[in-house]
Amino acid sequence: MKFNRRLAQNRRQTIVAIWKQSLTKLLDYYEATRGEFKQFFPKLFIFFVSLNISCYWLALLTAYPKNLL
């Protein structure tokens, strides 16, 4: 019984170590490839404006399909 507990604990430690290593690699990749902070807000603004316009036209198209087509 003690052997099974040790084996399970060893597996958990191994899985956590692999998970930690992969997250470290992911963080390193993100920090190497991320853009500047100054470019973030204009891109975010453009994204939400385009999303708003597309949702507006989708709503018009579904509400009044005969008038728009």
N, C-alpha and C. Protein backbone atom coordinates (compact mmCIF):
# COMPACT_ATOMS: atom_id res chain seq x y z
N MET A 1 0.82 -1.19 0.00
CA MET A 1 0.00 0.00 0.00
C MET A 1 0.86 1.26 0.00
N LYS A 2 1.93 1.25 0.79
CA LYS A 2 2.83 2.40 0.83
C LYS A 2 3.53 2.59 -0.52
N PHE A 3 3.81 1.47 -1.19
CA PHE A 3 4.47 1.55 -2.50
C PHE A 3 3.57 2.26 -3.51
N ASN A 4 2.28 1.93 -3.48
CA ASN A 4 1.34 2.58 -4.40
C ASN A 4 1.23 4.08 -4.14
N ARG A 5 1.26 4.46 -2.87
CA ARG A 5 1.19 5.89 -2.54
C ARG A 5 2.45 6.61 -3.02
N ARG A 6 3.59 5.99 -2.82
CA ARG A 6 4.85 6.59 -3.27
C ARG A 6 4.87 6.71 -4.78
N LEU A 7 4.40 5.66 -5.45
CA LEU A 7 4.37 5.68 -6.91
C LEU A 7 3.44 6.77 -7.42
N ALA A 8 2.27 6.91 -6.80
CA ALA A 8 1.32 7.94 -7.20
C ALA A 8 1.89 9.33 -6.92
N GLN A 9 2.55 9.49 -5.79
CA GLN A 9 3.15 10.78 -5.46
C GLN A 9 4.28 11.10 -6.43
N ASN A 10 5.08 10.11 -6.79
CA ASN A 10 6.17 10.31 -7.74
C ASN A 10 5.61 10.69 -9.11
N ARG A 11 4.52 10.08 -9.52
CA ARG A 11 3.89 10.42 -10.80
C ARG A 11 3.39 11.85 -10.80
N ARG A 12 2.76 12.25 -9.67
CA ARG A 12 2.26 13.62 -9.57
C ARG A 12 3.39 14.63 -9.66
N GLN A 13 4.49 14.33 -8.99
CA GLN A 13 5.63 15.23 -9.03
C GLN A 13 6.20 15.32 -10.44
N THR A 14 6.24 14.19 -11.14
CA THR A 14 6.74 14.18 -12.51
C THR A 14 5.81 14.98 -13.42
N ILE A 15 4.52 14.80 -13.28
CA ILE A 15 3.56 15.52 -14.10
C ILE A 15 3.64 17.01 -13.83
N VAL A 16 3.76 17.40 -12.58
CA VAL A 16 3.87 18.81 -12.23
C VAL A 16 5.17 19.39 -12.78
N ALA A 17 6.25 18.62 -12.74
CA ALA A 17 7.52 19.11 -13.28
C ALA A 17 7.44 19.31 -14.79
N ILE A 18 6.80 18.39 -15.50
CA ILE A 18 6.62 18.52 -16.95
C ILE A 18 5.73 19.73 -17.26
N TRP A 19 4.65 19.89 -16.49
CA TRP A 19 3.74 21.01 -16.69
C TRP A 19 4.46 22.33 -16.45
N LYS A 20 5.26 22.39 -15.39
CA LYS A 20 6.00 23.60 -15.08
C LYS A 20 7.02 23.94 -16.17
N GLN A 21 7.68 22.92 -16.69
CA GLN A 21 8.66 23.12 -17.76
C GLN A 21 7.97 23.63 -19.03
N SER A 22 6.83 23.07 -19.37
CA SER A 22 6.13 23.50 -20.58
C SER A 22 5.59 24.92 -20.43
N LEU A 23 5.13 25.28 -19.24
CA LEU A 23 4.67 26.65 -19.02
C LEU A 23 5.82 27.64 -19.08
N THR A 24 6.99 27.24 -18.62
CA THR A 24 8.17 28.10 -18.73
C THR A 24 8.53 28.34 -20.18
N LYS A 25 8.48 27.30 -20.99
CA LYS A 25 8.76 27.45 -22.43
C LYS A 25 7.73 28.35 -23.09
N LEU A 26 6.46 28.18 -22.72
CA LEU A 26 5.40 29.01 -23.29
C LEU A 26 5.58 30.47 -22.90
N LEU A 27 5.94 30.73 -21.66
CA LEU A 27 6.17 32.11 -21.22
C LEU A 27 7.37 32.72 -21.93
N ASP A 28 8.43 31.96 -22.11
CA ASP A 28 9.59 32.46 -22.85
C ASP A 28 9.23 32.79 -24.29
N TYR A 29 8.44 31.93 -24.93
CA TYR A 29 8.01 32.19 -26.31
C TYR A 29 7.15 33.45 -26.37
N TYR A 30 6.23 33.59 -25.42
CA TYR A 30 5.35 34.76 -25.41
C TYR A 30 6.15 36.05 -25.23
N GLU A 31 7.08 36.04 -24.29
CA GLU A 31 7.88 37.25 -24.05
C GLU A 31 8.77 37.59 -25.24
N ALA A 32 9.19 36.59 -25.99
CA ALA A 32 10.04 36.85 -27.16
C ALA A 32 9.24 37.38 -28.34
N THR A 33 7.98 37.00 -28.47
CA THR A 33 7.20 37.35 -29.66
C THR A 33 6.13 38.40 -29.45
N ARG A 34 5.90 38.83 -28.23
CA ARG A 34 4.83 39.81 -28.03
C ARG A 34 5.22 41.17 -28.58
N GLY A 35 4.21 41.92 -28.96
CA GLY A 35 4.45 43.24 -29.52
C GLY A 35 4.59 44.30 -28.44
N GLU A 36 4.74 45.52 -28.90
CA GLU A 36 4.86 46.63 -27.97
C GLU A 36 3.50 46.96 -27.36
N PHE A 37 3.54 47.52 -26.17
CA PHE A 37 2.31 47.87 -25.46
C PHE A 37 1.59 49.03 -26.14
N LYS A 38 2.34 49.90 -26.80
CA LYS A 38 1.73 51.06 -27.47
C LYS A 38 0.81 50.63 -28.61
N GLN A 39 1.09 49.50 -29.21
CA GLN A 39 0.27 49.02 -30.34
C GLN A 39 -0.96 48.26 -29.88
N PHE A 40 -1.02 47.91 -28.61
CA PHE A 40 -2.11 47.06 -28.13
C PHE A 40 -3.46 47.78 -28.16
N PHE A 41 -3.54 48.98 -27.59
CA PHE A 41 -4.82 49.67 -27.50
C PHE A 41 -5.39 50.09 -28.85
N PRO A 42 -4.60 50.58 -29.79
CA PRO A 42 -5.20 50.84 -31.12
C PRO A 42 -5.73 49.57 -31.79
N LYS A 43 -5.00 48.48 -31.66
CA LYS A 43 -5.49 47.21 -32.24
C LYS A 43 -6.76 46.75 -31.54
N LEU A 44 -6.81 46.91 -30.23
CA LEU A 44 -8.00 46.53 -29.48
C LEU A 44 -9.19 47.39 -29.88
N PHE A 45 -8.98 48.67 -30.05
CA PHE A 45 -10.03 49.59 -30.48
C PHE A 45 -10.55 49.20 -31.86
N ILE A 46 -9.66 48.97 -32.79
CA ILE A 46 -10.06 48.59 -34.15
C ILE A 46 -10.82 47.28 -34.15
N PHE A 47 -10.37 46.33 -33.35
CA PHE A 47 -11.06 45.04 -33.26
C PHE A 47 -12.49 45.22 -32.79
N PHE A 48 -12.70 45.98 -31.71
CA PHE A 48 -14.05 46.13 -31.18
C PHE A 48 -14.94 47.00 -32.06
N VAL A 49 -14.38 47.97 -32.73
CA VAL A 49 -15.18 48.76 -33.67
C VAL A 49 -15.64 47.87 -34.83
N SER A 50 -14.73 47.07 -35.37
CA SER A 50 -15.12 46.17 -36.48
C SER A 50 -16.11 45.11 -36.00
N LEU A 51 -15.94 44.62 -34.79
CA LEU A 51 -16.90 43.66 -34.24
C LEU A 51 -18.27 44.30 -34.07
N ASN A 52 -18.30 45.53 -33.59
CA ASN A 52 -19.55 46.24 -33.41
C ASN A 52 -20.25 46.48 -34.75
N ILE A 53 -19.51 46.91 -35.75
CA ILE A 53 -20.11 47.15 -37.07
C ILE A 53 -20.63 45.86 -37.68
N SER A 54 -19.87 44.79 -37.57
CA SER A 54 -20.33 43.51 -38.15
C SER A 54 -21.56 42.98 -37.41
N CYS A 55 -21.62 43.13 -36.10
CA CYS A 55 -22.81 42.68 -35.37
C CYS A 55 -24.01 43.55 -35.70
N TYR A 56 -23.79 44.84 -35.91
CA TYR A 56 -24.87 45.74 -36.30
C TYR A 56 -25.46 45.32 -37.64
N TRP A 57 -24.61 45.05 -38.61
CA TRP A 57 -25.10 44.66 -39.93
C TRP A 57 -25.72 43.27 -39.91
N LEU A 58 -25.22 42.39 -39.08
CA LEU A 58 -25.84 41.07 -38.93
C LEU A 58 -27.24 41.21 -38.33
N ALA A 59 -27.39 42.10 -37.35
CA ALA A 59 -28.71 42.31 -36.75
C ALA A 59 -29.67 42.92 -37.77
N LEU A 60 -29.19 43.88 -38.57
CA LEU A 60 -30.05 44.46 -39.61
C LEU A 60 -30.44 43.42 -40.65
N LEU A 61 -29.49 42.60 -41.00
CA LEU A 61 -29.77 41.57 -42.01
C LEU A 61 -30.79 40.55 -41.51
N THR A 62 -30.71 40.17 -40.24
CA THR A 62 -31.68 39.20 -39.72
C THR A 62 -33.03 39.84 -39.43
N ALA A 63 -33.05 41.14 -39.10
CA ALA A 63 -34.33 41.80 -38.79
C ALA A 63 -35.08 42.22 -40.05
N TYR A 64 -34.33 42.71 -41.05
CA TYR A 64 -34.95 43.20 -42.30
C TYR A 64 -34.24 42.60 -43.51
N PRO A 65 -34.39 41.31 -43.74
CA PRO A 65 -33.67 40.69 -44.85
C PRO A 65 -34.15 41.16 -46.22
N LYS A 66 -35.42 41.49 -46.35
CA LYS A 66 -35.95 41.91 -47.66
C LYS A 66 -35.47 43.30 -48.06
N ASN A 67 -35.27 44.17 -47.08
CA ASN A 67 -34.86 45.55 -47.39
C ASN A 67 -33.38 45.65 -47.70
N LEU A 68 -32.57 44.73 -47.25
CA LEU A 68 -31.12 44.84 -47.44
C LEU A 68 -30.62 44.03 -48.62
N LEU A 69 -31.36 43.05 -49.05
CA LEU A 69 -30.87 42.21 -50.16
C LEU A 69 -31.42 42.62 -51.49
